[in-house]
Amino acid sequence: MKDECPFCMIGSGETDDDLVAFRTDRVFVSTALKQRSANPGQVLVCPVAHVTALHAAEPPLLTELLEVVTRVTRAAPAAFGAMGTTVMNNNNAPDQVISHLHVHVIPRFDGDDLVIPNPDRRPAPRNVRVQLTARLRDRLAEP
């Protein structure tokens, strides 16, 4: 499974590094493939290692994962002009297609009427995702 997992490939640096806004040895932040039209800037915070669920992660990894999620929630409003964020994790949800732990950080805007699951089914154009990644990367680089 690991060989076929797109998050494992991104985490290892094999592919899509221009879509990685932040990276540590064990965690990375990647712009979500499907961007909500009312919530641009949605990202996924993932472990580099192939961990399939939140409850399967060891405590040190969980700590680092949530530290990075916290950092993203601090940076995302400034990066995207959002009011705040919504943080969520799916565990074997009916619409989940990749079995690799990931935490969604969704920028929130006044009147965005957030709908779960994401009604925007098409992938966002790569150039849009690269631009969103760069905006967040710049904010995450700030002290």
C-alpha atoms as a PDB file:
ATOM      1  CA  MET A   1       0.000   0.000   0.000  1.00  0.00           C
ATOM      2  CA  LYS A   2       2.775   2.428   0.914  1.00  0.00           C
ATOM      3  CA  ASP A   3       4.223   2.219  -2.609  1.00  0.00           C
ATOM      4  CA  GLU A   4       0.870   3.309  -4.062  1.00  0.00           C
ATOM      5  CA  CYS A   5       0.074   6.005  -1.477  1.00  0.00           C
ATOM      6  CA  PRO A   6       0.267   9.545  -2.908  1.00  0.00           C
ATOM      7  CA  PHE A   7       0.809  11.004   0.587  1.00  0.00           C
ATOM      8  CA  CYS A   8       3.810   8.714   1.110  1.00  0.00           C
ATOM      9  CA  MET A   9       5.263   9.895  -2.212  1.00  0.00           C
ATOM     10  CA  ILE A  10       4.735  13.559  -1.306  1.00  0.00           C
ATOM     11  CA  GLY A  11       6.046  13.008   2.223  1.00  0.00           C
ATOM     12  CA  SER A  12       9.224  11.376   0.970  1.00  0.00           C
ATOM     13  CA  GLY A  13       9.862  14.257  -1.442  1.00  0.00           C
ATOM     14  CA  GLU A  14       9.472  12.009  -4.505  1.00  0.00           C
ATOM     15  CA  THR A  15       6.789  14.228  -6.020  1.00  0.00           C
ATOM     16  CA  ASP A  16       4.874  17.500  -5.716  1.00  0.00           C
ATOM     17  CA  ASP A  17       7.383  19.327  -3.516  1.00  0.00           C
ATOM     18  CA  ASP A  18       6.062  22.641  -4.884  1.00  0.00           C
ATOM     19  CA  LEU A  19       2.772  21.735  -3.166  1.00  0.00           C
ATOM     20  CA  VAL A  20       4.428  21.319   0.255  1.00  0.00           C
ATOM     21  CA  ALA A  21       4.123  24.433   2.388  1.00  0.00           C
ATOM     22  CA  PHE A  22       6.022  23.097   5.404  1.00  0.00           C
ATOM     23  CA  ARG A  23       8.021  20.015   6.310  1.00  0.00           C
ATOM     24  CA  THR A  24       9.706  18.467   9.329  1.00  0.00           C
ATOM     25  CA  ASP A  25      11.374  15.066   9.478  1.00  0.00           C
ATOM     26  CA  ARG A  26       8.036  13.459  10.423  1.00  0.00           C
ATOM     27  CA  VAL A  27       5.225  15.765   9.250  1.00  0.00           C
ATOM     28  CA  PHE A  28       4.412  17.782   6.129  1.00  0.00           C
ATOM     29  CA  VAL A  29       1.736  20.251   5.027  1.00  0.00           C
ATOM     30  CA  SER A  30       0.374  19.924   1.503  1.00  0.00           C
ATOM     31  CA  THR A  31      -2.283  21.902  -0.312  1.00  0.00           C
ATOM     32  CA  ALA A  32      -5.432  19.809  -0.768  1.00  0.00           C
ATOM     33  CA  LEU A  33      -6.113  18.549  -4.274  1.00  0.00           C
ATOM     34  CA  LYS A  34      -9.762  19.611  -4.090  1.00  0.00           C
ATOM     35  CA  GLN A  35     -10.099  23.238  -3.056  1.00  0.00           C
ATOM     36  CA  ARG A  36     -13.448  24.474  -1.822  1.00  0.00           C
ATOM     37  CA  SER A  37     -14.508  27.486  -3.893  1.00  0.00           C
ATOM     38  CA  ALA A  38     -15.715  29.279  -0.736  1.00  0.00           C
ATOM     39  CA  ASN A  39     -12.660  28.233   1.343  1.00  0.00           C
ATOM     40  CA  PRO A  40      -9.481  28.583  -0.733  1.00  0.00           C
ATOM     41  CA  GLY A  41      -6.316  27.414   0.965  1.00  0.00           C
ATOM     42  CA  GLN A  42      -7.412  24.083   2.430  1.00  0.00           C
ATOM     43  CA  VAL A  43      -4.373  22.027   3.391  1.00  0.00           C
ATOM     44  CA  LEU A  44      -3.646  18.567   4.732  1.00  0.00           C
ATOM     45  CA  VAL A  45      -1.218  17.974   7.579  1.00  0.00           C
ATOM     46  CA  CYS A  46       0.182  14.445   7.238  1.00  0.00           C
ATOM     47  CA  PRO A  47       2.834  12.216   8.733  1.00  0.00           C
ATOM     48  CA  VAL A  48       5.685  11.302   6.404  1.00  0.00           C
ATOM     49  CA  ALA A  49       5.393   7.671   7.553  1.00  0.00           C
ATOM     50  CA  HIS A  50       2.449   5.642   6.321  1.00  0.00           C
ATOM     51  CA  VAL A  51       0.134   5.790   9.332  1.00  0.00           C
ATOM     52  CA  THR A  52      -3.457   4.931   8.489  1.00  0.00           C
ATOM     53  CA  ALA A  53      -5.446   6.561  11.296  1.00  0.00           C
ATOM     54  CA  LEU A  54      -5.208   9.040  14.138  1.00  0.00           C
ATOM     55  CA  HIS A  55      -5.602   6.300  16.735  1.00  0.00           C
ATOM     56  CA  ALA A  56      -2.761   4.329  15.120  1.00  0.00           C
ATOM     57  CA  ALA A  57      -0.186   7.115  15.550  1.00  0.00           C
ATOM     58  CA  GLU A  58       2.340   6.964  18.376  1.00  0.00           C
ATOM     59  CA  PRO A  59       2.166   9.802  20.958  1.00  0.00           C
ATOM     60  CA  PRO A  60       5.359  11.612  19.796  1.00  0.00           C
ATOM     61  CA  LEU A  61       4.025  11.729  16.231  1.00  0.00           C
ATOM     62  CA  LEU A  62       0.622  12.926  17.441  1.00  0.00           C
ATOM     63  CA  THR A  63       2.305  15.711  19.394  1.00  0.00           C
ATOM     64  CA  GLU A  64       4.292  16.869  16.384  1.00  0.00           C
ATOM     65  CA  LEU A  65       1.296  16.538  14.062  1.00  0.00           C
ATOM     66  CA  LEU A  66      -0.855  18.729  16.310  1.00  0.00           C
ATOM     67  CA  GLU A  67       1.967  21.244  16.803  1.00  0.00           C
ATOM     68  CA  VAL A  68       2.133  21.645  13.019  1.00  0.00           C
ATOM     69  CA  VAL A  69      -1.685  21.857  12.781  1.00  0.00           C
ATOM     70  CA  THR A  70      -1.549  24.635  15.392  1.00  0.00           C
ATOM     71  CA  ARG A  71       1.118  26.465  13.436  1.00  0.00           C
ATOM     72  CA  VAL A  72      -1.000  26.236  10.270  1.00  0.00           C
ATOM     73  CA  THR A  73      -4.129  27.514  12.062  1.00  0.00           C
ATOM     74  CA  ARG A  74      -2.097  30.542  13.165  1.00  0.00           C
ATOM     75  CA  ALA A  75      -0.712  31.238   9.663  1.00  0.00           C
ATOM     76  CA  ALA A  76      -3.697  30.403   7.425  1.00  0.00           C
ATOM     77  CA  PRO A  77      -5.916  33.406   8.252  1.00  0.00           C
ATOM     78  CA  ALA A  78      -3.140  35.832   7.315  1.00  0.00           C
ATOM     79  CA  ALA A  79      -2.129  33.817   4.241  1.00  0.00           C
ATOM     80  CA  PHE A  80      -5.642  33.611   2.816  1.00  0.00           C
ATOM     81  CA  GLY A  81      -7.495  36.557   4.368  1.00  0.00           C
ATOM     82  CA  ALA A  82      -9.674  34.172   6.371  1.00  0.00           C
ATOM     83  CA  MET A  83     -11.427  34.844   9.672  1.00  0.00           C
ATOM     84  CA  GLY A  84     -10.257  31.544  11.166  1.00  0.00           C
ATOM     85  CA  THR A  85     -10.030  27.829  10.405  1.00  0.00           C
ATOM     86  CA  THR A  86     -11.850  24.540  10.875  1.00  0.00           C
ATOM     87  CA  VAL A  87      -9.726  21.503  11.730  1.00  0.00           C
ATOM     88  CA  MET A  88     -10.983  17.983  11.073  1.00  0.00           C
ATOM     89  CA  ASN A  89      -9.883  14.390  10.614  1.00  0.00           C
ATOM     90  CA  ASN A  90     -11.716  11.551   8.895  1.00  0.00           C
ATOM     91  CA  ASN A  91     -11.290   7.975  10.004  1.00  0.00           C
ATOM     92  CA  ASN A  92     -12.670   5.469   7.508  1.00  0.00           C
ATOM     93  CA  ALA A  93     -15.316   7.945   6.377  1.00  0.00           C
ATOM     94  CA  PRO A  94     -17.537   6.705   3.510  1.00  0.00           C
ATOM     95  CA  ASP A  95     -16.042   9.202   1.052  1.00  0.00           C
ATOM     96  CA  GLN A  96     -12.417   8.743   2.137  1.00  0.00           C
ATOM     97  CA  VAL A  97     -10.300   7.306  -0.687  1.00  0.00           C
ATOM     98  CA  ILE A  98      -6.758   7.427   0.755  1.00  0.00           C
ATOM     99  CA  SER A  99      -5.924   5.468   3.875  1.00  0.00           C
ATOM    100  CA  HIS A 100      -3.126   7.719   5.188  1.00  0.00           C
ATOM    101  CA  LEU A 101      -3.610   9.861   8.268  1.00  0.00           C
ATOM    102  CA  HIS A 102      -4.280  13.479   7.377  1.00  0.00           C
ATOM    103  CA  VAL A 103      -5.740  16.434   9.241  1.00  0.00           C
ATOM    104  CA  HIS A 104      -7.667  18.995   7.212  1.00  0.00           C
ATOM    105  CA  VAL A 105      -7.174  22.678   7.973  1.00  0.00           C
ATOM    106  CA  ILE A 106      -9.879  24.652   6.186  1.00  0.00           C
ATOM    107  CA  PRO A 107      -9.745  28.472   6.071  1.00  0.00           C
ATOM    108  CA  ARG A 108     -13.081  29.994   7.075  1.00  0.00           C
ATOM    109  CA  PHE A 109     -14.705  33.107   5.682  1.00  0.00           C
ATOM    110  CA  ASP A 110     -17.775  35.045   6.723  1.00  0.00           C
ATOM    111  CA  GLY A 111     -20.818  33.509   5.013  1.00  0.00           C
ATOM    112  CA  ASP A 112     -18.896  30.566   3.524  1.00  0.00           C
ATOM    113  CA  ASP A 113     -21.601  28.049   4.555  1.00  0.00           C
ATOM    114  CA  LEU A 114     -19.071  25.242   4.996  1.00  0.00           C
ATOM    115  CA  VAL A 115     -20.452  21.944   3.724  1.00  0.00           C
ATOM    116  CA  ILE A 116     -18.971  18.543   4.566  1.00  0.00           C
ATOM    117  CA  PRO A 117     -18.099  16.576   2.522  1.00  0.00           C
ATOM    118  CA  ASN A 118     -16.597  18.985   0.041  1.00  0.00           C
ATOM    119  CA  PRO A 119     -19.111  19.672  -2.745  1.00  0.00           C
ATOM    120  CA  ASP A 120     -16.289  20.705  -5.100  1.00  0.00           C
ATOM    121  CA  ARG A 121     -15.481  17.337  -6.667  1.00  0.00           C
ATOM    122  CA  ARG A 122     -12.983  18.426  -9.304  1.00  0.00           C
ATOM    123  CA  PRO A 123      -9.319  18.888  -8.512  1.00  0.00           C
ATOM    124  CA  ALA A 124      -8.196  22.499  -8.428  1.00  0.00           C
ATOM    125  CA  PRO A 125      -5.776  23.456 -11.215  1.00  0.00           C
ATOM    126  CA  ARG A 126      -2.176  22.781 -10.234  1.00  0.00           C
ATOM    127  CA  ASN A 127      -1.111  26.407 -10.728  1.00  0.00           C
ATOM    128  CA  VAL A 128      -3.800  27.534  -8.259  1.00  0.00           C
ATOM    129  CA  ARG A 129      -2.623  25.004  -5.677  1.00  0.00           C
ATOM    130  CA  VAL A 130       1.010  26.046  -6.167  1.00  0.00           C
ATOM    131  CA  GLN A 131       0.052  29.702  -5.587  1.00  0.00           C
ATOM    132  CA  LEU A 132      -1.917  28.832  -2.429  1.00  0.00           C
ATOM    133  CA  THR A 133       1.018  26.763  -1.178  1.00  0.00           C
ATOM    134  CA  ALA A 134       3.426  29.660  -1.711  1.00  0.00           C
ATOM    135  CA  ARG A 135       1.173  32.052   0.223  1.00  0.00           C
ATOM    136  CA  LEU A 136       0.993  29.704   3.199  1.00  0.00           C
ATOM    137  CA  ARG A 137       4.701  28.833   2.995  1.00  0.00           C
ATOM    138  CA  ASP A 138       5.554  32.539   3.264  1.00  0.00           C
ATOM    139  CA  ARG A 139       3.399  32.935   6.386  1.00  0.00           C
ATOM    140  CA  LEU A 140       4.734  29.753   7.988  1.00  0.00           C
ATOM    141  CA  ALA A 141       8.291  31.063   7.503  1.00  0.00           C
ATOM    142  CA  GLU A 142       7.535  34.099   9.661  1.00  0.00           C
ATOM    143  CA  PRO A 143       8.691  33.885  13.290  1.00  0.00           C
END
